[in-house]
Amino acid sequence: MHLQSRNSGGQLRYHGPDARLELGGRSIMVVHYDHYGYAFACTGDFDLVCCGHSHKAEARRVANVKGGESWLVNPGTVAALAAPATWILGDLAAMTFDVRTL
């Protein structure tokens, strides 16, 4: 267990380099690198894939190998590193995602 999560009194959970989550009835993958995020979205195993690394904010649908689409969401950079400070507001029930600027 990661030190910060161990010292959080159960408030944080360290998932390692990626996380597979179920939230709001949605299957979600969280991974740092954007090219891994794209690959996970293409599998069709997830409703939503969240990634980062590129610091380019976007929310888009990606065609997957199962004949459907998965959402690929990158919040950009909240720290304004080489780009404006951005974040994404998502609604899992409606599967809508809005890029917001700080």
Protein backbone atom coordinates (compact mmCIF):
# COMPACT_ATOMS: atom_id res chain seq x y z
CA MET A 1 0.00 0.00 0.00
CA HIS A 2 1.21 3.47 -0.86
CA LEU A 3 2.27 5.59 2.17
CA GLN A 4 -0.20 8.45 1.55
CA SER A 5 -3.14 6.06 1.14
CA ARG A 6 -2.10 4.06 4.21
CA ASN A 7 -2.01 7.27 6.27
CA SER A 8 -5.34 8.55 4.94
CA GLY A 9 -7.56 6.62 7.34
CA GLY A 10 -9.26 4.84 4.42
CA GLN A 11 -10.04 8.04 2.50
CA LEU A 12 -7.57 7.30 -0.32
CA ARG A 13 -6.83 4.08 -2.17
CA TYR A 14 -3.68 3.60 -4.20
CA HIS A 15 -4.42 1.62 -7.37
CA GLY A 16 -0.92 1.56 -8.84
CA PRO A 17 -0.17 2.68 -12.41
CA ASP A 18 -3.77 2.19 -13.54
CA ALA A 19 -7.19 1.63 -12.03
CA ARG A 20 -10.27 -0.28 -13.12
CA LEU A 21 -13.32 1.23 -11.43
CA GLU A 22 -17.09 0.89 -11.39
CA LEU A 23 -18.83 4.22 -10.70
CA GLY A 24 -22.43 5.10 -11.39
CA GLY A 25 -22.92 1.81 -13.22
CA ARG A 26 -20.09 2.65 -15.62
CA SER A 27 -16.92 0.69 -16.29
CA ILE A 28 -13.97 3.09 -16.05
CA MET A 29 -10.24 2.75 -16.69
CA VAL A 30 -7.83 5.38 -15.39
CA VAL A 31 -4.29 5.42 -16.77
CA HIS A 32 -1.63 8.13 -17.02
CA TYR A 33 -0.37 7.89 -20.59
CA ASP A 34 -2.67 9.12 -23.36
CA HIS A 35 -1.59 6.46 -25.88
CA TYR A 36 -2.43 3.72 -23.34
CA GLY A 37 -5.75 5.46 -22.75
CA TYR A 38 -6.55 5.38 -26.45
CA ALA A 39 -5.66 1.67 -26.62
CA PHE A 40 -7.91 0.86 -23.65
CA ALA A 41 -10.77 2.86 -25.21
CA CYS A 42 -10.39 0.87 -28.45
CA THR A 43 -10.96 -2.44 -26.62
CA GLY A 44 -14.60 -1.64 -25.90
CA ASP A 45 -14.20 -3.01 -22.38
CA PHE A 46 -14.80 0.39 -20.78
CA ASP A 47 -17.50 3.04 -20.99
CA LEU A 48 -14.95 5.70 -20.07
CA VAL A 49 -11.18 5.86 -20.16
CA CYS A 50 -9.47 8.73 -18.33
CA CYS A 51 -5.87 9.55 -19.15
CA GLY A 52 -3.39 12.40 -19.00
CA HIS A 53 0.28 12.97 -19.81
CA SER A 54 -0.17 15.09 -22.95
CA HIS A 55 -1.64 18.08 -21.06
CA LYS A 56 -4.14 18.47 -23.92
CA ALA A 57 -7.70 18.70 -22.60
CA GLU A 58 -10.23 16.72 -24.59
CA ALA A 59 -13.31 14.54 -24.28
CA ARG A 60 -14.11 12.46 -27.33
CA ARG A 61 -15.73 9.24 -28.41
CA VAL A 62 -13.44 6.56 -29.79
CA ALA A 63 -14.66 3.73 -32.04
CA ASN A 64 -13.92 0.39 -30.41
CA VAL A 65 -13.41 -3.15 -31.74
CA LYS A 66 -16.80 -4.25 -30.40
CA GLY A 67 -18.59 -1.97 -32.85
CA GLY A 68 -19.47 0.72 -30.33
CA GLU A 69 -17.81 3.78 -28.89
CA SER A 70 -16.01 4.51 -25.64
CA TRP A 71 -15.29 7.91 -24.15
CA LEU A 72 -11.66 9.02 -23.91
CA VAL A 73 -11.23 11.92 -21.49
CA ASN A 74 -8.04 13.85 -20.73
CA PRO A 75 -8.44 16.75 -18.27
CA GLY A 76 -5.36 18.54 -19.59
CA THR A 77 -3.30 20.21 -16.89
CA VAL A 78 -4.76 21.73 -13.76
CA ALA A 79 -1.26 23.10 -12.99
CA ALA A 80 -1.11 25.08 -16.29
CA LEU A 81 2.02 23.25 -17.45
CA ALA A 82 2.69 24.26 -21.09
CA ALA A 83 -1.03 24.86 -21.61
CA PRO A 84 -3.93 26.72 -19.95
CA ALA A 85 -5.13 25.24 -16.65
CA THR A 86 -8.05 22.93 -17.39
CA TRP A 87 -10.22 20.25 -15.82
CA ILE A 88 -13.25 18.25 -16.95
CA LEU A 89 -16.71 18.08 -15.44
CA GLY A 90 -18.36 14.76 -16.25
CA ASP A 91 -21.87 13.41 -15.80
CA LEU A 92 -21.74 9.61 -15.76
CA ALA A 93 -25.52 9.23 -16.00
CA ALA A 94 -25.72 11.29 -19.19
CA MET A 95 -22.15 10.49 -20.33
CA THR A 96 -21.44 14.13 -21.03
CA PHE A 97 -18.09 15.81 -20.43
CA ASP A 98 -17.24 19.51 -20.47
CA VAL A 99 -13.73 20.91 -20.58
CA ARG A 100 -13.44 23.77 -18.10
CA THR A 101 -10.72 26.41 -17.84
CA LEU A 102 -9.55 27.67 -14.47
